[in-house]
Amino acid sequence: MMTKLCETQGCILLECKADLGTKDHIHLLVEMPPKLALSDLVNTLKTITSREIRKEFRDFLKPYYWKPVFWKRGYGFVSAGGASLDVLKRYIENQGYDD
């Protein structure tokens, strides 16, 4: 789902992994065009994935998510700097639990 959503925004999802431990967040490595605002991409990803996940897993999530939100309001990002894509991908792959 994230791959398709990134593509609709002119982005390429290079790596993605959920950290479902106590941190409960997701890591995304995205190549995005400079004309796209990061906040717009994040808003699109959060809005659509929230709607689709809540629709598909409604019964399972009902005891946990009774509010009309799925993701928290904030987000964090880091630019890649001089690190190679292989290093960044390995970092993301090693986050959280194997799920």
PDB file of N, CA and C in Angstrom:
ATOM      1  N   MET A   1       0.830  -1.187   0.000  1.00  0.00           N
ATOM      2  CA  MET A   1       0.000   0.000   0.000  1.00  0.00           C
ATOM      3  C   MET A   1       0.877   1.254   0.000  1.00  0.00           C
ATOM      4  N   MET A   2       1.918   1.253   0.834  1.00  0.00           N
ATOM      5  CA  MET A   2       2.811   2.412   0.899  1.00  0.00           C
ATOM      6  C   MET A   2       3.520   2.627  -0.437  1.00  0.00           C
ATOM      7  N   THR A   3       3.922   1.536  -1.077  1.00  0.00           N
ATOM      8  CA  THR A   3       4.600   1.644  -2.373  1.00  0.00           C
ATOM      9  C   THR A   3       3.703   2.338  -3.389  1.00  0.00           C
ATOM     10  N   LYS A   4       2.461   1.894  -3.485  1.00  0.00           N
ATOM     11  CA  LYS A   4       1.524   2.477  -4.449  1.00  0.00           C
ATOM     12  C   LYS A   4       1.244   3.937  -4.131  1.00  0.00           C
ATOM     13  N   LEU A   5       1.065   4.248  -2.862  1.00  0.00           N
ATOM     14  CA  LEU A   5       0.807   5.641  -2.480  1.00  0.00           C
ATOM     15  C   LEU A   5       1.997   6.538  -2.800  1.00  0.00           C
ATOM     16  N   CYS A   6       3.197   6.056  -2.540  1.00  0.00           N
ATOM     17  CA  CYS A   6       4.383   6.843  -2.873  1.00  0.00           C
ATOM     18  C   CYS A   6       4.435   7.104  -4.379  1.00  0.00           C
ATOM     19  N   GLU A   7       4.140   6.093  -5.165  1.00  0.00           N
ATOM     20  CA  GLU A   7       4.170   6.249  -6.621  1.00  0.00           C
ATOM     21  C   GLU A   7       3.166   7.299  -7.095  1.00  0.00           C
ATOM     22  N   THR A   8       1.999   7.374  -6.453  1.00  0.00           N
ATOM     23  CA  THR A   8       1.010   8.379  -6.862  1.00  0.00           C
ATOM     24  C   THR A   8       1.504   9.795  -6.588  1.00  0.00           C
ATOM     25  N   GLN A   9       2.489   9.925  -5.712  1.00  0.00           N
ATOM     26  CA  GLN A   9       3.042  11.229  -5.367  1.00  0.00           C
ATOM     27  C   GLN A   9       4.364  11.506  -6.088  1.00  0.00           C
ATOM     28  N   GLY A  10       4.739  10.620  -7.007  1.00  0.00           N
ATOM     29  CA  GLY A  10       5.987  10.789  -7.746  1.00  0.00           C
ATOM     30  C   GLY A  10       7.209  10.384  -6.939  1.00  0.00           C
ATOM     31  N   CYS A  11       7.010   9.533  -5.941  1.00  0.00           N
ATOM     32  CA  CYS A  11       8.094   9.090  -5.061  1.00  0.00           C
ATOM     33  C   CYS A  11       8.375   7.610  -5.279  1.00  0.00           C
ATOM     34  N   ILE A  12       9.510   7.167  -4.773  1.00  0.00           N
ATOM     35  CA  ILE A  12       9.872   5.755  -4.813  1.00  0.00           C
ATOM     36  C   ILE A  12      10.132   5.309  -3.391  1.00  0.00           C
ATOM     37  N   LEU A  13       9.386   4.293  -2.939  1.00  0.00           N
ATOM     38  CA  LEU A  13       9.614   3.722  -1.614  1.00  0.00           C
ATOM     39  C   LEU A  13      10.751   2.717  -1.737  1.00  0.00           C
ATOM     40  N   LEU A  14      11.874   3.008  -1.104  1.00  0.00           N
ATOM     41  CA  LEU A  14      13.057   2.165  -1.221  1.00  0.00           C
ATOM     42  C   LEU A  14      13.118   1.099  -0.130  1.00  0.00           C
ATOM     43  N   GLU A  15      12.576   1.403   1.035  1.00  0.00           N
ATOM     44  CA  GLU A  15      12.590   0.450   2.145  1.00  0.00           C
ATOM     45  C   GLU A  15      11.496   0.842   3.124  1.00  0.00           C
ATOM     46  N   CYS A  16      10.936  -0.158   3.793  1.00  0.00           N
ATOM     47  CA  CYS A  16       9.852   0.092   4.745  1.00  0.00           C
ATOM     48  C   CYS A  16       9.834  -1.033   5.762  1.00  0.00           C
ATOM     49  N   LYS A  17       9.783  -0.685   7.053  1.00  0.00           N
ATOM     50  CA  LYS A  17       9.658  -1.704   8.081  1.00  0.00           C
ATOM     51  C   LYS A  17       9.005  -1.106   9.313  1.00  0.00           C
ATOM     52  N   ALA A  18       8.047  -1.834   9.847  1.00  0.00           N
ATOM     53  CA  ALA A  18       7.387  -1.416  11.077  1.00  0.00           C
ATOM     54  C   ALA A  18       8.228  -1.853  12.270  1.00  0.00           C
ATOM     55  N   ASP A  19       8.342  -0.993  13.248  1.00  0.00           N
ATOM     56  CA  ASP A  19       8.994  -1.310  14.518  1.00  0.00           C
ATOM     57  C   ASP A  19       7.866  -1.485  15.518  1.00  0.00           C
ATOM     58  N   LEU A  20       7.398  -2.707  15.659  1.00  0.00           N
ATOM     59  CA  LEU A  20       6.197  -2.973  16.445  1.00  0.00           C
ATOM     60  C   LEU A  20       6.485  -3.251  17.913  1.00  0.00           C
ATOM     61  N   GLY A  21       7.704  -3.061  18.335  1.00  0.00           N
ATOM     62  CA  GLY A  21       8.034  -3.235  19.746  1.00  0.00           C
ATOM     63  C   GLY A  21       7.452  -2.099  20.565  1.00  0.00           C
ATOM     64  N   THR A  22       8.168  -1.709  21.574  1.00  0.00           N
ATOM     65  CA  THR A  22       7.681  -0.646  22.453  1.00  0.00           C
ATOM     66  C   THR A  22       7.671   0.708  21.764  1.00  0.00           C
ATOM     67  N   LYS A  23       8.391   0.840  20.656  1.00  0.00           N
ATOM     68  CA  LYS A  23       8.452   2.126  19.956  1.00  0.00           C
ATOM     69  C   LYS A  23       7.230   2.349  19.067  1.00  0.00           C
ATOM     70  N   ASP A  24       6.675   1.277  18.515  1.00  0.00           N
ATOM     71  CA  ASP A  24       5.432   1.329  17.752  1.00  0.00           C
ATOM     72  C   ASP A  24       5.432   2.415  16.681  1.00  0.00           C
ATOM     73  N   HIS A  25       6.326   2.279  15.717  1.00  0.00           N
ATOM     74  CA  HIS A  25       6.366   3.227  14.604  1.00  0.00           C
ATOM     75  C   HIS A  25       6.859   2.523  13.346  1.00  0.00           C
ATOM     76  N   ILE A  26       6.913   3.271  12.265  1.00  0.00           N
ATOM     77  CA  ILE A  26       7.307   2.693  10.986  1.00  0.00           C
ATOM     78  C   ILE A  26       8.447   3.522  10.395  1.00  0.00           C
ATOM     79  N   HIS A  27       9.401   2.832   9.779  1.00  0.00           N
ATOM     80  CA  HIS A  27      10.524   3.486   9.107  1.00  0.00           C
ATOM     81  C   HIS A  27      10.289   3.397   7.608  1.00  0.00           C
ATOM     82  N   LEU A  28      10.428   4.517   6.918  1.00  0.00           N
ATOM     83  CA  LEU A  28      10.300   4.551   5.467  1.00  0.00           C
ATOM     84  C   LEU A  28      11.537   5.218   4.883  1.00  0.00           C
ATOM     85  N   LEU A  29      12.072   4.644   3.843  1.00  0.00           N
ATOM     86  CA  LEU A  29      13.146   5.275   3.080  1.00  0.00           C
ATOM     87  C   LEU A  29      12.539   5.616   1.730  1.00  0.00           C
ATOM     88  N   VAL A  30      12.378   6.906   1.486  1.00  0.00           N
ATOM     89  CA  VAL A  30      11.653   7.368   0.309  1.00  0.00           C
ATOM     90  C   VAL A  30      12.512   8.312  -0.514  1.00  0.00           C
ATOM     91  N   GLU A  31      12.547   8.060  -1.801  1.00  0.00           N
ATOM     92  CA  GLU A  31      13.165   9.005  -2.738  1.00  0.00           C
ATOM     93  C   GLU A  31      12.032   9.878  -3.256  1.00  0.00           C
ATOM     94  N   MET A  32      12.144  11.174  -3.030  1.00  0.00           N
ATOM     95  CA  MET A  32      11.044  12.057  -3.411  1.00  0.00           C
ATOM     96  C   MET A  32      11.546  13.255  -4.188  1.00  0.00           C
ATOM     97  N   PRO A  33      10.699  13.772  -5.071  1.00  0.00           N
ATOM     98  CA  PRO A  33      11.106  14.928  -5.875  1.00  0.00           C
ATOM     99  C   PRO A  33      11.169  16.181  -5.003  1.00  0.00           C
ATOM    100  N   PRO A  34      12.066  17.103  -5.319  1.00  0.00           N
ATOM    101  CA  PRO A  34      12.210  18.314  -4.511  1.00  0.00           C
ATOM    102  C   PRO A  34      10.980  19.211  -4.529  1.00  0.00           C
ATOM    103  N   LYS A  35      10.132  19.076  -5.535  1.00  0.00           N
ATOM    104  CA  LYS A  35       8.937  19.930  -5.613  1.00  0.00           C
ATOM    105  C   LYS A  35       7.844  19.503  -4.634  1.00  0.00           C
ATOM    106  N   LEU A  36       7.938  18.299  -4.090  1.00  0.00           N
ATOM    107  CA  LEU A  36       6.927  17.776  -3.174  1.00  0.00           C
ATOM    108  C   LEU A  36       7.291  18.117  -1.731  1.00  0.00           C
ATOM    109  N   ALA A  37       6.368  18.705  -1.020  1.00  0.00           N
ATOM    110  CA  ALA A  37       6.590  19.015   0.397  1.00  0.00           C
ATOM    111  C   ALA A  37       6.484  17.719   1.207  1.00  0.00           C
ATOM    112  N   LEU A  38       7.431  17.523   2.102  1.00  0.00           N
ATOM    113  CA  LEU A  38       7.422  16.336   2.948  1.00  0.00           C
ATOM    114  C   LEU A  38       6.109  16.232   3.716  1.00  0.00           C
ATOM    115  N   SER A  39       5.610  17.341   4.221  1.00  0.00           N
ATOM    116  CA  SER A  39       4.355  17.320   4.983  1.00  0.00           C
ATOM    117  C   SER A  39       3.189  16.830   4.125  1.00  0.00           C
ATOM    118  N   ASP A  40       3.183  17.163   2.841  1.00  0.00           N
ATOM    119  CA  ASP A  40       2.119  16.679   1.946  1.00  0.00           C
ATOM    120  C   ASP A  40       2.204  15.167   1.757  1.00  0.00           C
ATOM    121  N   LEU A  41       3.423  14.658   1.588  1.00  0.00           N
ATOM    122  CA  LEU A  41       3.603  13.220   1.433  1.00  0.00           C
ATOM    123  C   LEU A  41       3.156  12.496   2.697  1.00  0.00           C
ATOM    124  N   VAL A  42       3.607  12.963   3.844  1.00  0.00           N
ATOM    125  CA  VAL A  42       3.246  12.333   5.112  1.00  0.00           C
ATOM    126  C   VAL A  42       1.730  12.364   5.309  1.00  0.00           C
ATOM    127  N   ASN A  43       1.116  13.488   5.025  1.00  0.00           N
ATOM    128  CA  ASN A  43      -0.333  13.596   5.170  1.00  0.00           C
ATOM    129  C   ASN A  43      -1.053  12.581   4.280  1.00  0.00           C
ATOM    130  N   THR A  44      -0.629  12.455   3.045  1.00  0.00           N
ATOM    131  CA  THR A  44      -1.236  11.495   2.127  1.00  0.00           C
ATOM    132  C   THR A  44      -1.067  10.067   2.641  1.00  0.00           C
ATOM    133  N   LEU A  45       0.155   9.716   3.028  1.00  0.00           N
ATOM    134  CA  LEU A  45       0.421   8.359   3.505  1.00  0.00           C
ATOM    135  C   LEU A  45      -0.399   8.036   4.750  1.00  0.00           C
ATOM    136  N   LYS A  46      -0.414   8.954   5.705  1.00  0.00           N
ATOM    137  CA  LYS A  46      -1.132   8.696   6.951  1.00  0.00           C
ATOM    138  C   LYS A  46      -2.644   8.643   6.746  1.00  0.00           C
ATOM    139  N   THR A  47      -3.175   9.554   5.968  1.00  0.00           N
ATOM    140  CA  THR A  47      -4.621   9.614   5.767  1.00  0.00           C
ATOM    141  C   THR A  47      -5.139   8.355   5.081  1.00  0.00           C
ATOM    142  N   ILE A  48      -4.516   7.984   3.979  1.00  0.00           N
ATOM    143  CA  ILE A  48      -5.030   6.859   3.194  1.00  0.00           C
ATOM    144  C   ILE A  48      -4.750   5.525   3.870  1.00  0.00           C
ATOM    145  N   THR A  49      -3.547   5.343   4.423  1.00  0.00           N
ATOM    146  CA  THR A  49      -3.277   4.068   5.099  1.00  0.00           C
ATOM    147  C   THR A  49      -4.169   3.903   6.324  1.00  0.00           C
ATOM    148  N   SER A  50      -4.411   4.968   7.047  1.00  0.00           N
ATOM    149  CA  SER A  50      -5.302   4.900   8.207  1.00  0.00           C
ATOM    150  C   SER A  50      -6.693   4.438   7.789  1.00  0.00           C
ATOM    151  N   ARG A  51      -7.234   5.071   6.775  1.00  0.00           N
ATOM    152  CA  ARG A  51      -8.574   4.732   6.300  1.00  0.00           C
ATOM    153  C   ARG A  51      -8.632   3.266   5.841  1.00  0.00           C
ATOM    154  N   GLU A  52      -7.658   2.844   5.053  1.00  0.00           N
ATOM    155  CA  GLU A  52      -7.681   1.491   4.499  1.00  0.00           C
ATOM    156  C   GLU A  52      -7.440   0.416   5.563  1.00  0.00           C
ATOM    157  N   ILE A  53      -6.518   0.664   6.472  1.00  0.00           N
ATOM    158  CA  ILE A  53      -6.240  -0.304   7.540  1.00  0.00           C
ATOM    159  C   ILE A  53      -7.446  -0.440   8.460  1.00  0.00           C
ATOM    160  N   ARG A  54      -8.037   0.704   8.820  1.00  0.00           N
ATOM    161  CA  ARG A  54      -9.208   0.667   9.702  1.00  0.00           C
ATOM    162  C   ARG A  54     -10.392  -0.009   9.013  1.00  0.00           C
ATOM    163  N   LYS A  55     -10.508   0.123   7.719  1.00  0.00           N
ATOM    164  CA  LYS A  55     -11.596  -0.520   6.986  1.00  0.00           C
ATOM    165  C   LYS A  55     -11.367  -2.029   6.901  1.00  0.00           C
ATOM    166  N   GLU A  56     -10.156  -2.432   6.525  1.00  0.00           N
ATOM    167  CA  GLU A  56      -9.865  -3.851   6.321  1.00  0.00           C
ATOM    168  C   GLU A  56      -9.831  -4.644   7.626  1.00  0.00           C
ATOM    169  N   PHE A  57      -9.350  -4.018   8.701  1.00  0.00           N
ATOM    170  CA  PHE A  57      -9.192  -4.727   9.975  1.00  0.00           C
ATOM    171  C   PHE A  57     -10.121  -4.174  11.058  1.00  0.00           C
ATOM    172  N   ARG A  58     -11.277  -3.706  10.656  1.00  0.00           N
ATOM    173  CA  ARG A  58     -12.231  -3.048  11.559  1.00  0.00           C
ATOM    174  C   ARG A  58     -12.491  -3.864  12.825  1.00  0.00           C
ATOM    175  N   ASP A  59     -12.873  -5.114  12.681  1.00  0.00           N
ATOM    176  CA  ASP A  59     -13.239  -5.925  13.845  1.00  0.00           C
ATOM    177  C   ASP A  59     -12.047  -6.181  14.764  1.00  0.00           C
ATOM    178  N   PHE A  60     -10.894  -6.428  14.170  1.00  0.00           N
ATOM    179  CA  PHE A  60      -9.698  -6.689  14.974  1.00  0.00           C
ATOM    180  C   PHE A  60      -9.280  -5.440  15.757  1.00  0.00           C
ATOM    181  N   LEU A  61      -9.360  -4.273  15.124  1.00  0.00           N
ATOM    182  CA  LEU A  61      -8.886  -3.039  15.747  1.00  0.00           C
ATOM    183  C   LEU A  61      -9.886  -2.392  16.703  1.00  0.00           C
ATOM    184  N   LYS A  62     -11.136  -2.784  16.633  1.00  0.00           N
ATOM    185  CA  LYS A  62     -12.189  -2.134  17.419  1.00  0.00           C
ATOM    186  C   LYS A  62     -11.839  -1.997  18.912  1.00  0.00           C
ATOM    187  N   PRO A  63     -11.299  -3.020  19.578  1.00  0.00           N
ATOM    188  CA  PRO A  63     -10.999  -2.859  20.999  1.00  0.00           C
ATOM    189  C   PRO A  63      -9.835  -1.901  21.287  1.00  0.00           C
ATOM    190  N   TYR A  64      -9.009  -1.631  20.287  1.00  0.00           N
ATOM    191  CA  TYR A  64      -7.811  -0.825  20.494  1.00  0.00           C
ATOM    192  C   TYR A  64      -7.946   0.610  20.005  1.00  0.00           C
ATOM    193  N   TYR A  65      -8.669   0.803  18.925  1.00  0.00           N
ATOM    194  CA  TYR A  65      -8.771   2.124  18.294  1.00  0.00           C
ATOM    195  C   TYR A  65     -10.230   2.549  18.212  1.00  0.00           C
ATOM    196  N   TRP A  66     -10.672   3.245  19.219  1.00  0.00           N
ATOM    197  CA  TRP A  66     -12.060   3.715  19.239  1.00  0.00           C
ATOM    198  C   TRP A  66     -12.164   5.166  18.798  1.00  0.00           C
ATOM    199  N   LYS A  67     -11.040   5.841  18.697  1.00  0.00           N
ATOM    200  CA  LYS A  67     -11.035   7.224  18.214  1.00  0.00           C
ATOM    201  C   LYS A  67     -10.915   7.215  16.687  1.00  0.00           C
ATOM    202  N   PRO A  68     -11.288   8.304  16.026  1.00  0.00           N
ATOM    203  CA  PRO A  68     -11.222   8.329  14.555  1.00  0.00           C
ATOM    204  C   PRO A  68      -9.817   8.613  14.016  1.00  0.00           C
ATOM    205  N   VAL A  69      -8.793   8.219  14.742  1.00  0.00           N
ATOM    206  CA  VAL A  69      -7.410   8.402  14.287  1.00  0.00           C
ATOM    207  C   VAL A  69      -6.672   7.082  14.405  1.00  0.00           C
ATOM    208  N   PHE A  70      -5.687   6.906  13.559  1.00  0.00           N
ATOM    209  CA  PHE A  70      -4.878   5.685  13.608  1.00  0.00           C
ATOM    210  C   PHE A  70      -3.425   6.029  13.916  1.00  0.00           C
ATOM    211  N   TRP A  71      -2.895   6.998  13.226  1.00  0.00           N
ATOM    212  CA  TRP A  71      -1.520   7.439  13.425  1.00  0.00           C
ATOM    213  C   TRP A  71      -1.491   8.615  14.397  1.00  0.00           C
ATOM    214  N   LYS A  72      -0.370   8.800  15.045  1.00  0.00           N
ATOM    215  CA  LYS A  72      -0.193   9.996  15.875  1.00  0.00           C
ATOM    216  C   LYS A  72       0.009  11.198  14.967  1.00  0.00           C
ATOM    217  N   ARG A  73      -0.164  12.398  15.519  1.00  0.00           N
ATOM    218  CA  ARG A  73      -0.088  13.616  14.710  1.00  0.00           C
ATOM    219  C   ARG A  73       1.308  13.887  14.154  1.00  0.00           C
ATOM    220  N   GLY A  74       2.324  13.621  14.913  1.00  0.00           N
ATOM    221  CA  GLY A  74       3.676  14.002  14.512  1.00  0.00           C
ATOM    222  C   GLY A  74       4.360  13.000  13.602  1.00  0.00           C
ATOM    223  N   TYR A  75       5.516  13.410  13.142  1.00  0.00           N
ATOM    224  CA  TYR A  75       6.381  12.529  12.364  1.00  0.00           C
ATOM    225  C   TYR A  75       7.796  13.081  12.465  1.00  0.00           C
ATOM    226  N   GLY A  76       8.758  12.234  12.197  1.00  0.00           N
ATOM    227  CA  GLY A  76      10.150  12.667  12.180  1.00  0.00           C
ATOM    228  C   GLY A  76      10.771  12.280  10.859  1.00  0.00           C
ATOM    229  N   PHE A  77      11.763  13.032  10.463  1.00  0.00           N
ATOM    230  CA  PHE A  77      12.467  12.680   9.233  1.00  0.00           C
ATOM    231  C   PHE A  77      13.922  13.078   9.357  1.00  0.00           C
ATOM    232  N   VAL A  78      14.726  12.371   8.595  1.00  0.00           N
ATOM    233  CA  VAL A  78      16.160  12.640   8.547  1.00  0.00           C
ATOM    234  C   VAL A  78      16.570  12.557   7.092  1.00  0.00           C
ATOM    235  N   SER A  79      17.350  13.514   6.635  1.00  0.00           N
ATOM    236  CA  SER A  79      17.859  13.419   5.268  1.00  0.00           C
ATOM    237  C   SER A  79      19.006  12.419   5.246  1.00  0.00           C
ATOM    238  N   ALA A  80      19.246  11.848   4.086  1.00  0.00           N
ATOM    239  CA  ALA A  80      20.234  10.780   3.974  1.00  0.00           C
ATOM    240  C   ALA A  80      21.662  11.271   4.119  1.00  0.00           C
ATOM    241  N   GLY A  81      21.903  12.528   3.871  1.00  0.00           N
ATOM    242  CA  GLY A  81      23.264  13.032   3.970  1.00  0.00           C
ATOM    243  C   GLY A  81      24.193  12.280   3.046  1.00  0.00           C
ATOM    244  N   GLY A  82      25.351  11.881   3.541  1.00  0.00           N
ATOM    245  CA  GLY A  82      26.331  11.186   2.709  1.00  0.00           C
ATOM    246  C   GLY A  82      26.268   9.678   2.821  1.00  0.00           C
ATOM    247  N   ALA A  83      25.337   9.142   3.600  1.00  0.00           N
ATOM    248  CA  ALA A  83      25.250   7.690   3.771  1.00  0.00           C
ATOM    249  C   ALA A  83      24.767   7.037   2.481  1.00  0.00           C
ATOM    250  N   SER A  84      25.302   5.854   2.210  1.00  0.00           N
ATOM    251  CA  SER A  84      24.871   5.131   1.009  1.00  0.00           C
ATOM    252  C   SER A  84      23.487   4.524   1.233  1.00  0.00           C
ATOM    253  N   LEU A  85      22.788   4.256   0.137  1.00  0.00           N
ATOM    254  CA  LEU A  85      21.471   3.643   0.239  1.00  0.00           C
ATOM    255  C   LEU A  85      21.543   2.271   0.903  1.00  0.00           C
ATOM    256  N   ASP A  86      22.606   1.521   0.656  1.00  0.00           N
ATOM    257  CA  ASP A  86      22.754   0.208   1.287  1.00  0.00           C
ATOM    258  C   ASP A  86      22.811   0.329   2.807  1.00  0.00           C
ATOM    259  N   VAL A  87      23.535   1.309   3.300  1.00  0.00           N
ATOM    260  CA  VAL A  87      23.638   1.526   4.745  1.00  0.00           C
ATOM    261  C   VAL A  87      22.277   1.895   5.320  1.00  0.00           C
ATOM    262  N   LEU A  88      21.564   2.771   4.651  1.00  0.00           N
ATOM    263  CA  LEU A  88      20.244   3.189   5.125  1.00  0.00           C
ATOM    264  C   LEU A  88      19.249   2.025   5.103  1.00  0.00           C
ATOM    265  N   LYS A  89      19.283   1.220   4.052  1.00  0.00           N
ATOM    266  CA  LYS A  89      18.385   0.069   3.965  1.00  0.00           C
ATOM    267  C   LYS A  89      18.683  -0.933   5.080  1.00  0.00           C
ATOM    268  N   ARG A  90      19.950  -1.206   5.334  1.00  0.00           N
ATOM    269  CA  ARG A  90      20.320  -2.134   6.411  1.00  0.00           C
ATOM    270  C   ARG A  90      19.853  -1.612   7.764  1.00  0.00           C
ATOM    271  N   TYR A  91      19.988  -0.314   7.974  1.00  0.00           N
ATOM    272  CA  TYR A  91      19.538   0.288   9.232  1.00  0.00           C
ATOM    273  C   TYR A  91      18.044   0.025   9.430  1.00  0.00           C
ATOM    274  N   ILE A  92      17.253   0.268   8.397  1.00  0.00           N
ATOM    275  CA  ILE A  92      15.800   0.075   8.501  1.00  0.00           C
ATOM    276  C   ILE A  92      15.470  -1.406   8.677  1.00  0.00           C
ATOM    277  N   GLU A  93      16.136  -2.266   7.939  1.00  0.00           N
ATOM    278  CA  GLU A  93      15.868  -3.708   8.045  1.00  0.00           C
ATOM    279  C   GLU A  93      16.132  -4.230   9.449  1.00  0.00           C
ATOM    280  N   ASN A  94      17.039  -3.606  10.173  1.00  0.00           N
ATOM    281  CA  ASN A  94      17.410  -4.068  11.517  1.00  0.00           C
ATOM    282  C   ASN A  94      16.590  -3.428  12.635  1.00  0.00           C
ATOM    283  N   GLN A  95      15.588  -2.674  12.299  1.00  0.00           N
ATOM    284  CA  GLN A  95      14.741  -2.047  13.314  1.00  0.00           C
ATOM    285  C   GLN A  95      13.635  -3.006  13.752  1.00  0.00           C
ATOM    286  N   GLY A  96      13.280  -2.932  15.013  1.00  0.00           N
ATOM    287  CA  GLY A  96      12.133  -3.671  15.526  1.00  0.00           C
ATOM    288  C   GLY A  96      12.303  -5.175  15.494  1.00  0.00           C
ATOM    289  N   TYR A  97      11.177  -5.837  15.483  1.00  0.00           N
ATOM    290  CA  TYR A  97      11.135  -7.283  15.476  1.00  0.00           C
ATOM    291  C   TYR A  97      10.927  -7.795  14.066  1.00  0.00           C
ATOM    292  N   ASP A  98      11.295  -9.037  13.814  1.00  0.00           N
ATOM    293  CA  ASP A  98      10.963  -9.658  12.526  1.00  0.00           C
ATOM    294  C   ASP A  98       9.490 -10.012  12.578  1.00  0.00           C
ATOM    295  N   ASP A  99       8.696  -9.366  11.725  1.00  0.00           N
ATOM    296  CA  ASP A  99       7.250  -9.607  11.754  1.00  0.00           C
ATOM    297  C   ASP A  99       6.730 -10.065  10.420  1.00  0.00           C
TER     298      ASP A  99
END
